[in-house]
Structures are given as structure tokens and as C-alpha cells.
Protein backbone atom coordinates (compact mmCIF):
# COMPACT_ATOMS: atom_id res chain seq x y z
CA MET A 1 4.67 -14.31 -1.06
CA LYS A 2 4.71 -10.53 -2.48
CA ALA A 3 5.64 -10.25 -5.98
CA ILE A 4 4.94 -6.29 -6.22
CA GLU A 5 3.75 -4.13 -3.59
CA CYS A 6 2.43 -0.63 -3.95
CA ARG A 7 2.17 1.95 -1.20
CA GLY A 8 0.63 5.39 -1.74
CA LEU A 9 2.04 5.31 -5.31
CA THR A 10 1.40 8.63 -7.02
CA LYS A 11 2.63 9.91 -10.32
CA LYS A 12 2.47 13.56 -11.43
CA TYR A 13 3.11 15.43 -14.73
CA GLY A 14 3.19 18.86 -13.77
CA THR A 15 -0.54 19.57 -12.48
CA GLN A 16 -1.84 16.32 -13.87
CA THR A 17 -1.91 13.27 -11.68
CA ALA A 18 -1.68 10.23 -13.76
CA LEU A 19 -1.79 7.86 -10.70
CA ASP A 20 -3.27 8.98 -7.30
CA ASP A 21 -2.39 7.47 -3.95
CA LEU A 22 -2.59 3.59 -5.37
CA SER A 23 -1.97 0.99 -2.68
CA PHE A 24 -2.17 -2.76 -3.36
CA VAL A 25 -0.24 -6.29 -3.23
CA ILE A 26 0.33 -8.69 -6.15
CA GLU A 27 1.10 -12.24 -4.94
CA LYS A 28 3.53 -14.37 -6.43
CA ASN A 29 2.40 -17.24 -8.90
CA LYS A 30 -1.00 -15.71 -9.55
CA PHE A 31 -2.89 -14.60 -12.81
CA TYR A 32 -4.07 -10.73 -12.47
CA GLY A 33 -6.14 -8.75 -15.00
CA LEU A 34 -5.11 -4.95 -15.03
CA LEU A 35 -8.37 -3.30 -16.33
CA GLY A 36 -9.42 0.50 -16.69
CA ARG A 37 -10.58 2.62 -19.46
CA ASN A 38 -8.18 4.60 -21.63
CA GLY A 39 -6.10 7.35 -19.67
CA ALA A 40 -6.85 5.37 -16.47
CA GLY A 41 -3.27 5.04 -15.43
CA LYS A 42 -2.59 1.45 -16.41
CA THR A 43 0.41 2.05 -18.53
CA THR A 44 1.77 4.65 -16.26
CA LEU A 45 1.76 2.07 -13.50
CA LEU A 46 3.49 -0.56 -15.54
CA HIS A 47 6.15 1.79 -16.85
CA ILE A 48 6.89 2.48 -13.25
CA LEU A 49 6.69 -1.40 -12.32
CA ASN A 50 9.19 -1.96 -15.17
CA GLY A 51 11.72 0.92 -13.99
CA GLU A 52 11.10 3.10 -17.00
CA LEU A 53 9.68 6.04 -15.04
CA SER A 54 9.99 6.99 -11.33
CA GLN A 55 7.18 7.82 -9.18
CA SER A 56 6.37 11.30 -7.75
CA SER A 57 5.62 10.00 -4.38
CA GLY A 58 4.69 6.57 -2.41
CA THR A 59 6.76 3.25 -2.81
CA ILE A 60 6.64 0.40 -5.27
CA LEU A 61 8.61 -2.72 -4.57
CA VAL A 62 9.48 -5.84 -6.98
CA ASP A 63 10.51 -8.74 -4.85
CA GLY A 64 11.36 -6.36 -2.20
CA GLU A 65 13.21 -4.04 -4.34
CA ALA A 66 12.68 -0.56 -5.89
CA PRO A 67 12.66 -1.18 -9.71
CA TYR A 68 13.87 2.35 -10.97
CA GLU A 69 17.44 2.06 -12.21
CA ASN A 70 17.89 -1.47 -10.59
CA ARG A 71 18.97 -4.04 -12.89
CA ASN A 72 18.56 -6.94 -10.29
CA ALA A 73 14.79 -6.01 -9.83
CA LEU A 74 14.19 -5.76 -13.57
CA GLN A 75 15.77 -8.98 -14.48
CA LYS A 76 12.62 -10.33 -12.78
CA VAL A 77 10.06 -8.63 -14.63
CA CYS A 78 9.41 -8.98 -18.71
CA PHE A 79 7.17 -6.32 -19.85
CA ILE A 80 5.47 -6.70 -23.13
CA LYS A 81 3.71 -3.97 -24.41
CA GLU A 82 1.59 -2.67 -27.32
CA GLY A 83 3.88 -1.53 -30.17
CA GLN A 84 6.80 -3.16 -28.71
CA SER A 85 9.80 -1.00 -29.55
CA PHE A 86 12.00 -3.83 -31.33
CA LYS A 87 14.78 -2.40 -33.38
CA LYS A 88 13.38 -2.36 -36.99
CA VAL A 89 16.73 -3.65 -38.55
CA ALA A 90 17.06 -6.33 -35.77
CA ARG A 91 16.38 -10.10 -37.01
CA VAL A 92 13.93 -12.20 -34.96
CA GLU A 93 17.09 -14.32 -34.04
CA ASP A 94 18.64 -11.14 -32.78
CA VAL A 95 15.70 -10.10 -30.60
CA CYS A 96 15.48 -13.53 -29.02
CA LEU A 97 19.43 -13.45 -28.42
CA VAL A 98 19.20 -10.08 -26.59
CA ALA A 99 16.32 -11.27 -24.47
CA SER A 100 18.40 -14.53 -23.58
CA ILE A 101 21.44 -12.31 -22.23
CA PHE A 102 18.82 -10.17 -20.17
CA TYR A 103 16.52 -12.73 -18.79
CA PRO A 104 18.20 -15.32 -16.45
CA ASN A 105 15.34 -18.02 -16.85
CA TRP A 106 15.40 -17.59 -20.69
CA ASP A 107 14.25 -20.80 -22.34
CA GLN A 108 15.84 -21.16 -25.89
CA ASP A 109 14.01 -24.65 -26.69
CA PHE A 110 10.49 -22.91 -25.77
CA ALA A 111 11.35 -20.01 -27.80
CA GLU A 112 12.09 -22.07 -30.95
CA GLU A 113 8.93 -24.10 -30.36
CA LEU A 114 7.01 -20.81 -29.94
CA LEU A 115 8.72 -19.13 -33.30
CA GLU A 116 7.69 -22.07 -35.09
CA THR A 117 4.14 -22.26 -33.69
CA PHE A 118 3.68 -18.59 -35.01
CA ASN A 119 5.28 -19.15 -38.41
CA LEU A 120 8.15 -16.65 -37.55
CA ASN A 121 11.39 -16.90 -39.63
CA LEU A 122 14.55 -16.44 -37.48
CA LYS A 123 16.19 -14.53 -40.54
CA LYS A 124 13.56 -12.11 -41.21
CA SER A 125 13.96 -8.47 -39.77
CA VAL A 126 11.41 -6.84 -37.57
CA LYS A 127 10.67 -4.24 -40.05
CA GLU A 128 9.82 -7.10 -42.64
CA LEU A 129 7.19 -8.60 -40.08
CA SER A 130 3.56 -7.71 -40.32
CA LYS A 131 1.62 -5.96 -37.10
CA GLY A 132 0.51 -9.44 -35.97
CA MET A 133 3.89 -11.05 -36.47
CA GLU A 134 5.62 -8.61 -34.55
CA SER A 135 3.02 -8.82 -31.56
CA ALA A 136 3.73 -12.69 -31.93
CA LEU A 137 7.31 -12.17 -31.42
CA GLY A 138 6.63 -10.11 -28.27
CA VAL A 139 4.47 -12.63 -27.11
CA THR A 140 7.41 -15.43 -27.54
CA VAL A 141 9.78 -13.45 -25.68
CA GLY A 142 7.35 -13.06 -23.06
CA LEU A 143 6.45 -16.49 -22.35
CA ALA A 144 10.23 -17.71 -23.31
CA SER A 145 11.84 -15.15 -20.72
CA ARG A 146 10.25 -17.12 -18.14
CA ALA A 147 10.55 -14.05 -15.90
CA PRO A 148 8.94 -14.35 -12.43
CA ILE A 149 6.86 -11.52 -12.96
CA THR A 150 5.59 -11.22 -17.10
CA ILE A 151 3.21 -8.60 -17.93
CA PHE A 152 1.45 -8.05 -21.28
CA ASP A 153 -0.08 -4.79 -22.13
CA GLU A 154 -2.42 -5.01 -25.01
CA PRO A 155 0.26 -7.52 -26.63
CA TYR A 156 -1.97 -8.85 -29.50
CA ILE A 157 -2.32 -5.70 -31.72
CA GLY A 158 -2.60 -7.05 -35.42
CA MET A 159 -3.41 -10.54 -34.21
CA ASP A 160 -6.53 -12.15 -35.66
CA ALA A 161 -9.12 -14.14 -33.73
CA VAL A 162 -7.25 -17.41 -34.12
CA ALA A 163 -3.79 -16.23 -33.39
CA ARG A 164 -5.15 -14.50 -29.99
CA GLN A 165 -6.83 -17.74 -29.09
CA LYS A 166 -3.76 -19.73 -29.67
CA PHE A 167 -2.02 -16.81 -27.43
CA TYR A 168 -4.55 -17.39 -24.63
CA ASP A 169 -4.15 -21.23 -24.80
CA LEU A 170 -0.32 -20.92 -24.45
CA LEU A 171 -0.68 -18.42 -21.70
CA LEU A 172 -2.78 -20.96 -19.92
CA GLU A 173 -0.36 -23.96 -20.46
CA GLU A 174 2.59 -22.12 -19.46
CA TYR A 175 0.85 -20.82 -16.16
CA THR A 176 0.22 -24.33 -15.45
CA GLU A 177 3.40 -25.92 -16.32
CA CYS A 178 5.66 -22.96 -14.89
CA PRO A 179 3.83 -20.91 -12.43
CA ARG A 180 4.83 -17.34 -12.16
CA THR A 181 3.10 -14.04 -11.74
CA PHE A 182 1.03 -12.90 -14.81
CA ILE A 183 -0.28 -9.62 -15.34
CA LEU A 184 -2.38 -8.83 -18.49
CA SER A 185 -3.79 -5.42 -19.39
CA THR A 186 -6.51 -5.50 -21.82
CA HIS A 187 -9.53 -3.85 -23.43
CA LEU A 188 -10.84 -7.72 -24.69
CA ILE A 189 -11.66 -8.49 -21.32
CA ASP A 190 -14.42 -10.92 -22.05
CA GLU A 191 -11.92 -13.08 -24.30
CA VAL A 192 -9.64 -13.52 -21.54
CA SER A 193 -11.62 -13.13 -18.14
CA LYS A 194 -11.58 -16.94 -17.54
CA LEU A 195 -7.60 -16.76 -17.13
CA PHE A 196 -7.87 -14.19 -14.18
CA GLU A 197 -7.60 -15.30 -10.71
CA GLU A 198 -7.63 -11.44 -9.29
CA VAL A 199 -8.66 -8.37 -10.88
CA ILE A 200 -7.31 -4.81 -10.20
CA MET A 201 -9.48 -2.16 -11.76
CA ILE A 202 -8.13 1.45 -12.03
CA ASP A 203 -9.96 4.76 -12.85
CA GLN A 204 -8.68 8.17 -13.14
CA GLY A 205 -5.59 7.19 -11.43
CA LYS A 206 -7.21 5.62 -8.46
CA LEU A 207 -7.93 2.06 -7.32
CA LEU A 208 -11.43 1.32 -8.20
CA LEU A 209 -11.23 -2.20 -6.96
CA HIS A 210 -8.96 -4.99 -6.30
CA LYS A 211 -10.81 -8.41 -5.98
CA ASN A 212 -10.62 -12.41 -6.35
CA VAL A 213 -12.54 -13.20 -9.55
CA GLU A 214 -14.73 -15.91 -7.87
CA GLN A 215 -15.59 -13.24 -5.29
CA LEU A 216 -16.61 -10.61 -8.04
CA ARG A 217 -18.81 -13.28 -9.66
CA GLU A 218 -20.50 -13.83 -6.25
CA GLU A 219 -20.89 -10.15 -6.11
CA ALA A 220 -21.92 -8.81 -9.49
CA PHE A 221 -25.12 -10.13 -11.48
CA TYR A 222 -28.10 -9.71 -13.25
CA LEU A 223 -31.54 -10.16 -11.72
CA SER A 224 -34.13 -11.01 -14.17
CA GLY A 225 -38.02 -11.43 -13.58
CA GLU A 226 -41.45 -9.56 -12.63
CA ILE A 227 -40.57 -5.83 -11.68
CA LYS A 228 -41.73 -5.79 -8.24
CA ALA A 229 -40.07 -9.37 -7.41
CA VAL A 230 -36.67 -8.20 -8.92
CA GLU A 231 -36.80 -4.74 -7.12
CA SER A 232 -37.68 -6.81 -3.56
CA ILE A 233 -34.44 -9.08 -4.25
CA GLY A 234 -32.23 -6.17 -5.19
CA ALA A 235 -33.37 -3.89 -2.52
CA ASN A 236 -30.18 -2.74 -0.30
CA LYS A 237 -27.96 -3.48 -3.15
CA LYS A 238 -25.89 -1.16 -5.56
CA ILE A 239 -27.80 -1.11 -8.70
CA ILE A 240 -25.75 -0.37 -11.45
CA SER A 241 -27.85 -0.86 -14.73
CA LYS A 242 -31.78 -1.05 -15.05
CA GLU A 243 -33.83 -2.22 -18.20
CA ILE A 244 -37.71 -2.66 -18.19
CA PHE A 245 -39.38 -4.71 -20.92
CA GLY A 246 -43.12 -4.52 -20.38
CA GLN A 247 -43.61 -6.25 -17.22
CA SER A 248 -40.21 -7.70 -16.98
CA ASN A 249 -37.26 -5.94 -15.23
CA THR A 250 -33.36 -6.69 -15.38
CA LEU A 251 -31.39 -5.18 -12.87
CA GLY A 252 -27.50 -5.13 -12.81
CA VAL A 253 -26.59 -5.53 -9.06
CA TYR A 254 -23.41 -5.13 -7.26
CA GLY A 255 -23.36 -6.56 -3.68
CA ARG A 256 -23.57 -10.22 -2.18
CA LEU A 257 -27.00 -12.10 -1.95
CA SER A 258 -27.72 -13.83 1.17
CA ASP A 259 -28.77 -17.58 1.02
CA GLU A 260 -32.04 -16.34 2.26
CA GLU A 261 -32.16 -13.92 -0.58
CA ARG A 262 -31.11 -16.43 -3.08
CA LYS A 263 -33.96 -18.51 -1.81
CA LYS A 264 -36.41 -16.02 -2.08
CA ALA A 265 -35.49 -15.40 -5.77
CA ILE A 266 -36.05 -18.89 -6.55
CA GLN A 267 -39.61 -18.55 -4.85
CA LEU A 268 -40.41 -15.43 -6.72
CA ASN A 269 -39.18 -16.91 -10.20
CA VAL A 270 -36.04 -14.40 -10.44
CA SER A 271 -33.31 -15.53 -12.23
CA ILE A 272 -29.87 -14.80 -11.31
CA GLU A 273 -26.86 -14.36 -14.00
CA HIS A 274 -23.28 -13.71 -13.63
CA MET A 275 -22.22 -10.39 -14.90
CA PRO A 276 -19.32 -10.28 -17.32
CA LEU A 277 -16.32 -8.43 -16.17
CA GLN A 278 -16.44 -5.95 -18.87
CA LYS A 279 -19.90 -4.73 -18.21
CA LEU A 280 -18.98 -4.37 -14.57
CA MET A 281 -15.86 -2.13 -15.46
CA ILE A 282 -18.25 -0.27 -17.69
CA TYR A 283 -20.79 0.23 -14.98
CA LEU A 284 -18.55 1.01 -12.17
CA THR A 285 -16.37 3.54 -14.16
CA SER A 286 -19.59 5.29 -15.36
CA LEU A 287 -20.91 5.46 -11.79
CA LYS A 288 -17.63 7.04 -10.73
CA GLU A 289 -17.62 9.53 -13.51
CA LYS A 290 -21.52 10.52 -12.61
CA GLU A 291 -20.52 10.86 -8.99
CA LYS A 292 -17.50 12.98 -9.73
CA HIS A 293 -19.83 15.46 -11.86
CA LYS A 294 -22.37 15.53 -9.24
CA ASP A 295 -19.79 16.45 -6.50
CA ALA A 296 -18.40 19.29 -8.96
CA LYS A 297 -21.89 20.81 -9.20
CA HIS A 298 -22.27 21.10 -5.39
């Protein structure tokens, strides 16, 4: 059930390491969030996955095959990225025609339905489209490709909130009706976190975490209440944030609570709230940066 497998994947540009010994497995027919700060290595990873770059070392397999210069593997991947490089002179219908030739599972009826949904004129050239409309064209190609592995890398540039919500709704409908592996790389994490089944977080080219979202919700949370009570519940857990207001304390905690600790929290009137994924990413990457600076000093 492996859609993608990375083992020791490394990419270097001279002395700079963009990806550093990445190892993980992405399963078929699951929805993944690929998260990380700017420059974390996400786009480099996706370009290697899409056969646009070769790795410096390690392996990456798409449905069991190396993607670089491998048309058979690449026909299973549709990669829609920020600033999609459609030819400016091409018309909307030309873009769809080329996509229909390349992707074996292309659904023309669905494509036409999506074009109508996003109010895209078949006869208009790409250069006549607004940034949001060009993004909508990329979304149309990605969804109608019905590629077994469909990747969206910040695909909604220029889309307003209404259009983005329409995209998220379509993603969920498509994932339900036509299961496949979706990978969404985004900075608008809280807008789409409900779609994710698993999260892969990269920081400075390294794998920071790869976990099931439900598991993360059980492991990342806020404890709020009287200072001593909160600190007693958060003992032996990784504290990733701390805010004190008078006699009250809110701790951001990363670490699973036992049933006994949860009972104790109720007894001490300590509230437990799930931490948003975006906050977790900010805290974890900040901690990693602090640890790096600390190691450098020593």
C-alpha cells in the first residue's frame, strides 16, 4: 500500500544541504499535509518526487519506481504548484487538452464541471486570466487528472476566501468519491487541517515529525488553570509554550496524557484544549532553532 517511499533522501546544492537523510512512507489513498517553514525543503522534495530533480543520495520510489526521467512513474503523479507554469499563450481548453493526453485517468466531464464552477472561459488564454483564475485552472487540472498521487503546493495564490473554501470542499468531495493519495503543502494550515489524515513536518531539510493527525491531537494541547495545578499536570511533558496571567497559567504541552493525569486535571479544574497544527509547527520549529543555536554555542 506504499504510494511513495523515501529512504535516506538527501539533496545538496554545493555546500548547502536542502534535504538531509529523509526517510518516510506515504500510503495509498490517504490525505497528507506537508508542513514546514519557508526554506524547510518542502518544494525541493516535491520537485524530486515529480522527477524534476534528482537526489544527491538515498532513494525515492513512486509506486515502486524511481521517478526521475521515468514517464511511467510520472503519469501517476500530478503536481500543481504555486505559480503554475502554464504557457501564457495557451488557451484554457489547450491546457486541459495537454493534461488529458498526459494523465491516463483524466476525466473530461469533471474538468468541464470544474471550469464552470470556477467561471473559467475555455477560449481565454492563460495571460488573460487573473492570478486567482490561473490558480483555479491549476486546481481544475489537479482534480480532473484523477492521478493516483495528486499534489498541491500552495495552489490557491490569488484566490479569495470564498474560492479557497470552494477548493477545500471539492478536495473533500473528490477524496471521498475517488480515493487517491493527496498531498497538500500549505502555510494556511488551520484552514485545511481538518482534511489531513497524516502530517509530515520538515524543518531545515530534516524530518521533524510524521504522525497521524488524531494522534497529534492527543499529544499536543493546552493546559489552563491555576499555576501549580497546571504545572503538576504538565510535569514530565515537553513544555513548548507558557503564558501566565495573574494566578492563571496556560501551558502548551507536547506529550500524551495518561487516563490518571486526565482525571487529575478534572479534579484540579484544569482545562485541556487541542492545539492547532499551525501553533504546533511554530513551536516545534522554534524549539529546533533554539536547540541548534544552543549547540553552536557549546
